Amino acid sequence: MIEPRLLCRKHLLGEHNEIHKHRHNFIKKHSIKKRIELGQIEPKSMKTRHDKLALEMIRRGYKHESPYEMPDISYLPIEYINFTVDVDKSHEDLINRCEDCKRIKEKIK
């Protein structure tokens, strides 16, 4: 849920790919418990998040040819559906792991 313009190419495209992967997991009703416990996913925000990532991809001149259709997530426990990611914590974790994302943050300051 980090602002897409703050993501390096690898993380921007990687998160976009993960969103599509999770759509399949939602359709197959696979467990997302671990992703919730790790604070990595906001089920009800998947379409909005996808679209923000896609806009950033296009802004950077990348091709985007994979629209996202929100799957039915009503089978999930309500606390999973309404879970929100701690954006500050996620961003801090990311810049501690990725020098490219760290450089982007410092450049934008």
N, C-alpha and C. Protein backbone atom coordinates (compact mmCIF):
# COMPACT_ATOMS: atom_id res chain seq x y z
N MET A 1 0.82 -1.21 0.00
CA MET A 1 0.00 0.00 0.00
C MET A 1 0.86 1.26 0.00
N ILE A 2 2.14 1.09 -0.19
CA ILE A 2 3.06 2.22 -0.28
C ILE A 2 2.74 2.99 -1.57
N GLU A 3 2.85 4.29 -1.50
CA GLU A 3 2.63 5.13 -2.68
C GLU A 3 3.43 4.56 -3.85
N PRO A 4 2.77 4.21 -4.97
CA PRO A 4 3.46 3.55 -6.09
C PRO A 4 4.67 4.31 -6.63
N ARG A 5 4.66 5.62 -6.59
CA ARG A 5 5.80 6.38 -7.14
C ARG A 5 7.06 6.19 -6.29
N LEU A 6 6.89 5.65 -5.06
CA LEU A 6 8.03 5.42 -4.17
C LEU A 6 8.64 4.02 -4.35
N LEU A 7 8.07 3.24 -5.25
CA LEU A 7 8.56 1.88 -5.47
C LEU A 7 9.54 1.83 -6.64
N CYS A 8 10.61 1.07 -6.46
CA CYS A 8 11.52 0.85 -7.58
C CYS A 8 10.80 -0.01 -8.63
N ARG A 9 11.42 -0.14 -9.76
CA ARG A 9 10.82 -0.92 -10.85
C ARG A 9 10.50 -2.34 -10.40
N LYS A 10 11.45 -2.99 -9.74
CA LYS A 10 11.28 -4.37 -9.30
C LYS A 10 10.07 -4.51 -8.36
N HIS A 11 9.93 -3.59 -7.42
CA HIS A 11 8.84 -3.69 -6.46
C HIS A 11 7.50 -3.27 -7.05
N LEU A 12 7.50 -2.30 -7.93
CA LEU A 12 6.27 -1.89 -8.61
C LEU A 12 5.71 -3.06 -9.42
N LEU A 13 6.55 -3.64 -10.27
CA LEU A 13 6.10 -4.74 -11.11
C LEU A 13 5.82 -6.00 -10.28
N GLY A 14 6.60 -6.20 -9.24
CA GLY A 14 6.39 -7.36 -8.38
C GLY A 14 5.07 -7.30 -7.64
N GLU A 15 4.73 -6.13 -7.12
CA GLU A 15 3.45 -6.01 -6.41
C GLU A 15 2.30 -6.17 -7.39
N HIS A 16 2.44 -5.61 -8.58
CA HIS A 16 1.39 -5.77 -9.59
C HIS A 16 1.17 -7.26 -9.88
N ASN A 17 2.23 -8.00 -10.02
CA ASN A 17 2.13 -9.43 -10.26
C ASN A 17 1.47 -10.16 -9.08
N GLU A 18 1.84 -9.77 -7.87
CA GLU A 18 1.27 -10.38 -6.68
C GLU A 18 -0.24 -10.16 -6.59
N ILE A 19 -0.69 -8.99 -6.98
CA ILE A 19 -2.13 -8.72 -6.94
C ILE A 19 -2.87 -9.67 -7.86
N HIS A 20 -2.33 -9.88 -9.04
CA HIS A 20 -2.98 -10.84 -9.95
C HIS A 20 -2.92 -12.26 -9.38
N LYS A 21 -1.82 -12.60 -8.75
CA LYS A 21 -1.68 -13.93 -8.13
C LYS A 21 -2.72 -14.10 -7.03
N HIS A 22 -2.91 -13.07 -6.23
CA HIS A 22 -3.88 -13.16 -5.14
C HIS A 22 -5.31 -13.24 -5.64
N ARG A 23 -5.58 -12.66 -6.79
CA ARG A 23 -6.93 -12.79 -7.36
C ARG A 23 -7.25 -14.27 -7.55
N HIS A 24 -6.30 -15.01 -8.08
CA HIS A 24 -6.48 -16.44 -8.26
C HIS A 24 -6.69 -17.12 -6.90
N ASN A 25 -5.93 -16.71 -5.90
CA ASN A 25 -6.09 -17.28 -4.56
C ASN A 25 -7.47 -17.00 -3.99
N PHE A 26 -7.99 -15.80 -4.25
CA PHE A 26 -9.35 -15.47 -3.78
C PHE A 26 -10.38 -16.34 -4.50
N ILE A 27 -10.23 -16.48 -5.80
CA ILE A 27 -11.19 -17.28 -6.57
C ILE A 27 -11.18 -18.73 -6.09
N LYS A 28 -10.00 -19.26 -5.81
CA LYS A 28 -9.87 -20.64 -5.33
C LYS A 28 -10.13 -20.76 -3.82
N LYS A 29 -10.36 -19.62 -3.17
CA LYS A 29 -10.64 -19.55 -1.73
C LYS A 29 -9.49 -20.14 -0.90
N HIS A 30 -8.28 -19.85 -1.34
CA HIS A 30 -7.10 -20.26 -0.57
C HIS A 30 -6.97 -19.36 0.66
N SER A 31 -6.30 -19.84 1.65
CA SER A 31 -6.10 -19.08 2.87
C SER A 31 -5.17 -17.90 2.62
N ILE A 32 -5.51 -16.77 3.22
CA ILE A 32 -4.62 -15.60 3.17
C ILE A 32 -4.19 -15.24 4.59
N LYS A 33 -4.41 -16.16 5.50
CA LYS A 33 -4.11 -15.91 6.91
C LYS A 33 -2.69 -15.40 7.12
N LYS A 34 -1.71 -16.06 6.50
CA LYS A 34 -0.31 -15.67 6.67
C LYS A 34 -0.07 -14.25 6.17
N ARG A 35 -0.66 -13.90 5.02
CA ARG A 35 -0.49 -12.55 4.46
C ARG A 35 -1.10 -11.49 5.39
N ILE A 36 -2.22 -11.82 6.01
CA ILE A 36 -2.85 -10.90 6.97
C ILE A 36 -1.95 -10.77 8.20
N GLU A 37 -1.48 -11.90 8.72
CA GLU A 37 -0.61 -11.88 9.91
C GLU A 37 0.66 -11.07 9.66
N LEU A 38 1.17 -11.14 8.46
CA LEU A 38 2.38 -10.39 8.11
C LEU A 38 2.08 -8.93 7.72
N GLY A 39 0.80 -8.60 7.64
CA GLY A 39 0.42 -7.23 7.31
C GLY A 39 0.71 -6.85 5.88
N GLN A 40 0.55 -7.79 4.94
CA GLN A 40 0.95 -7.57 3.56
C GLN A 40 -0.19 -7.36 2.57
N ILE A 41 -1.43 -7.53 2.98
CA ILE A 41 -2.51 -7.52 2.00
C ILE A 41 -3.78 -6.88 2.57
N GLU A 42 -4.44 -6.09 1.75
CA GLU A 42 -5.73 -5.49 2.09
C GLU A 42 -6.74 -6.00 1.07
N PRO A 43 -7.44 -7.07 1.40
CA PRO A 43 -8.33 -7.69 0.42
C PRO A 43 -9.32 -6.75 -0.25
N LYS A 44 -9.98 -5.88 0.51
CA LYS A 44 -11.01 -5.03 -0.10
C LYS A 44 -10.42 -3.92 -0.98
N SER A 45 -9.11 -3.72 -0.89
CA SER A 45 -8.46 -2.65 -1.66
C SER A 45 -7.74 -3.15 -2.91
N MET A 46 -7.89 -4.41 -3.24
CA MET A 46 -7.11 -4.99 -4.34
C MET A 46 -7.33 -4.28 -5.68
N LYS A 47 -8.56 -4.00 -6.03
CA LYS A 47 -8.85 -3.35 -7.32
C LYS A 47 -8.27 -1.94 -7.34
N THR A 48 -8.51 -1.19 -6.29
CA THR A 48 -8.00 0.18 -6.20
C THR A 48 -6.47 0.18 -6.25
N ARG A 49 -5.87 -0.74 -5.50
CA ARG A 49 -4.41 -0.82 -5.48
C ARG A 49 -3.87 -1.19 -6.85
N HIS A 50 -4.47 -2.17 -7.47
CA HIS A 50 -4.05 -2.57 -8.81
C HIS A 50 -4.07 -1.37 -9.76
N ASP A 51 -5.16 -0.64 -9.72
CA ASP A 51 -5.31 0.48 -10.65
C ASP A 51 -4.28 1.58 -10.39
N LYS A 52 -3.93 1.81 -9.13
CA LYS A 52 -2.89 2.79 -8.81
C LYS A 52 -1.52 2.32 -9.33
N LEU A 53 -1.24 1.04 -9.14
CA LEU A 53 0.02 0.49 -9.65
C LEU A 53 0.06 0.57 -11.18
N ALA A 54 -1.04 0.25 -11.82
CA ALA A 54 -1.11 0.29 -13.29
C ALA A 54 -0.89 1.72 -13.80
N LEU A 55 -1.47 2.70 -13.14
CA LEU A 55 -1.27 4.10 -13.55
C LEU A 55 0.20 4.49 -13.43
N GLU A 56 0.86 4.05 -12.37
CA GLU A 56 2.28 4.36 -12.19
C GLU A 56 3.11 3.64 -13.26
N MET A 57 2.74 2.42 -13.57
CA MET A 57 3.45 1.70 -14.63
C MET A 57 3.35 2.48 -15.94
N ILE A 58 2.17 2.93 -16.27
CA ILE A 58 1.96 3.68 -17.51
C ILE A 58 2.72 5.00 -17.46
N ARG A 59 2.68 5.67 -16.30
CA ARG A 59 3.39 6.94 -16.15
C ARG A 59 4.88 6.76 -16.44
N ARG A 60 5.42 5.60 -16.05
CA ARG A 60 6.84 5.33 -16.27
C ARG A 60 7.13 4.81 -17.68
N GLY A 61 6.11 4.65 -18.47
CA GLY A 61 6.31 4.19 -19.84
C GLY A 61 6.29 2.68 -20.01
N TYR A 62 5.86 1.95 -18.98
CA TYR A 62 5.76 0.50 -19.08
C TYR A 62 4.41 0.14 -19.70
N LYS A 63 4.34 -1.01 -20.30
CA LYS A 63 3.06 -1.50 -20.83
C LYS A 63 2.24 -2.07 -19.69
N HIS A 64 0.93 -1.84 -19.78
CA HIS A 64 0.01 -2.48 -18.85
C HIS A 64 -1.15 -3.03 -19.65
N GLU A 65 -1.26 -4.34 -19.67
CA GLU A 65 -2.30 -4.98 -20.46
C GLU A 65 -3.07 -6.03 -19.67
N SER A 66 -3.14 -5.85 -18.37
CA SER A 66 -3.80 -6.86 -17.53
C SER A 66 -4.77 -6.19 -16.57
N PRO A 67 -5.99 -5.91 -17.04
CA PRO A 67 -6.98 -5.31 -16.15
C PRO A 67 -7.30 -6.25 -14.98
N TYR A 68 -7.84 -5.68 -13.94
CA TYR A 68 -8.14 -6.45 -12.73
C TYR A 68 -9.62 -6.38 -12.46
N GLU A 69 -10.22 -7.53 -12.30
CA GLU A 69 -11.62 -7.61 -11.92
C GLU A 69 -11.68 -8.12 -10.49
N MET A 70 -12.31 -7.36 -9.64
CA MET A 70 -12.36 -7.72 -8.22
C MET A 70 -13.12 -9.03 -8.03
N PRO A 71 -12.49 -10.01 -7.39
CA PRO A 71 -13.18 -11.28 -7.13
C PRO A 71 -14.10 -11.16 -5.91
N ASP A 72 -14.93 -12.15 -5.74
CA ASP A 72 -15.79 -12.22 -4.57
C ASP A 72 -14.93 -12.60 -3.36
N ILE A 73 -14.90 -11.75 -2.37
CA ILE A 73 -14.13 -12.04 -1.16
C ILE A 73 -15.05 -12.20 0.05
N SER A 74 -16.34 -12.34 -0.20
CA SER A 74 -17.30 -12.42 0.90
C SER A 74 -17.12 -13.66 1.77
N TYR A 75 -16.39 -14.64 1.30
CA TYR A 75 -16.15 -15.85 2.09
C TYR A 75 -15.12 -15.62 3.21
N LEU A 76 -14.36 -14.54 3.09
CA LEU A 76 -13.31 -14.25 4.08
C LEU A 76 -13.92 -13.76 5.39
N PRO A 77 -13.25 -14.02 6.50
CA PRO A 77 -13.70 -13.43 7.77
C PRO A 77 -13.71 -11.90 7.64
N ILE A 78 -14.66 -11.26 8.27
CA ILE A 78 -14.82 -9.81 8.15
C ILE A 78 -13.55 -9.07 8.57
N GLU A 79 -12.82 -9.60 9.57
CA GLU A 79 -11.59 -8.92 10.00
C GLU A 79 -10.51 -9.00 8.92
N TYR A 80 -10.54 -10.01 8.08
CA TYR A 80 -9.61 -10.09 6.95
C TYR A 80 -10.03 -9.09 5.86
N ILE A 81 -11.32 -9.07 5.59
CA ILE A 81 -11.83 -8.17 4.55
C ILE A 81 -11.48 -6.72 4.90
N ASN A 82 -11.61 -6.36 6.16
CA ASN A 82 -11.40 -4.98 6.59
C ASN A 82 -9.98 -4.68 7.07
N PHE A 83 -9.09 -5.65 6.97
CA PHE A 83 -7.72 -5.44 7.42
C PHE A 83 -7.06 -4.30 6.63
N THR A 84 -6.29 -3.48 7.34
CA THR A 84 -5.53 -2.43 6.67
C THR A 84 -4.05 -2.58 6.98
N VAL A 85 -3.26 -2.33 5.98
CA VAL A 85 -1.81 -2.43 6.09
C VAL A 85 -1.27 -1.19 6.79
N ASP A 86 -0.29 -1.37 7.63
CA ASP A 86 0.42 -0.26 8.26
C ASP A 86 1.44 0.25 7.23
N VAL A 87 1.07 1.28 6.51
CA VAL A 87 1.87 1.77 5.40
C VAL A 87 3.24 2.25 5.87
N ASP A 88 3.30 2.96 6.97
CA ASP A 88 4.59 3.45 7.47
C ASP A 88 5.53 2.30 7.80
N LYS A 89 5.02 1.29 8.47
CA LYS A 89 5.83 0.12 8.81
C LYS A 89 6.29 -0.60 7.54
N SER A 90 5.40 -0.76 6.59
CA SER A 90 5.75 -1.42 5.32
C SER A 90 6.83 -0.65 4.57
N HIS A 91 6.68 0.67 4.55
CA HIS A 91 7.66 1.48 3.83
C HIS A 91 9.02 1.43 4.52
N GLU A 92 9.02 1.49 5.83
CA GLU A 92 10.27 1.40 6.58
C GLU A 92 10.96 0.07 6.31
N ASP A 93 10.18 -1.00 6.32
CA ASP A 93 10.73 -2.33 6.02
C ASP A 93 11.32 -2.37 4.61
N LEU A 94 10.60 -1.80 3.66
CA LEU A 94 11.05 -1.82 2.27
C LEU A 94 12.35 -1.05 2.08
N ILE A 95 12.44 0.14 2.61
CA ILE A 95 13.67 0.92 2.39
C ILE A 95 14.86 0.33 3.15
N ASN A 96 14.59 -0.49 4.15
CA ASN A 96 15.68 -1.19 4.83
C ASN A 96 16.16 -2.40 4.03
N ARG A 97 15.35 -2.87 3.11
CA ARG A 97 15.71 -4.04 2.30
C ARG A 97 16.12 -3.70 0.88
N CYS A 98 15.71 -2.55 0.37
CA CYS A 98 15.92 -2.24 -1.04
C CYS A 98 16.60 -0.88 -1.20
N GLU A 99 17.82 -0.90 -1.67
CA GLU A 99 18.57 0.35 -1.88
C GLU A 99 17.91 1.23 -2.94
N ASP A 100 17.32 0.62 -3.97
CA ASP A 100 16.68 1.41 -5.02
C ASP A 100 15.46 2.16 -4.49
N CYS A 101 14.64 1.50 -3.69
CA CYS A 101 13.49 2.18 -3.09
C CYS A 101 13.95 3.26 -2.11
N LYS A 102 15.01 2.98 -1.39
CA LYS A 102 15.57 3.97 -0.45
C LYS A 102 16.03 5.22 -1.20
N ARG A 103 16.71 5.03 -2.33
CA ARG A 103 17.15 6.17 -3.14
C ARG A 103 15.98 7.00 -3.65
N ILE A 104 14.91 6.31 -4.05
CA ILE A 104 13.71 7.03 -4.54
C ILE A 104 13.15 7.89 -3.42
N LYS A 105 13.03 7.33 -2.23
CA LYS A 105 12.49 8.09 -1.09
C LYS A 105 13.35 9.31 -0.80
N GLU A 106 14.68 9.14 -0.80
CA GLU A 106 15.58 10.25 -0.52
C GLU A 106 15.51 11.31 -1.61
N LYS A 107 15.32 10.89 -2.83
CA LYS A 107 15.23 11.82 -3.95
C LYS A 107 13.97 12.67 -3.90
N ILE A 108 12.89 12.08 -3.41
CA ILE A 108 11.60 12.76 -3.37
C ILE A 108 11.47 13.69 -2.17
N LYS A 109 12.24 13.43 -1.11
CA LYS A 109 12.16 14.27 0.12
C LYS A 109 12.21 15.74 -0.18
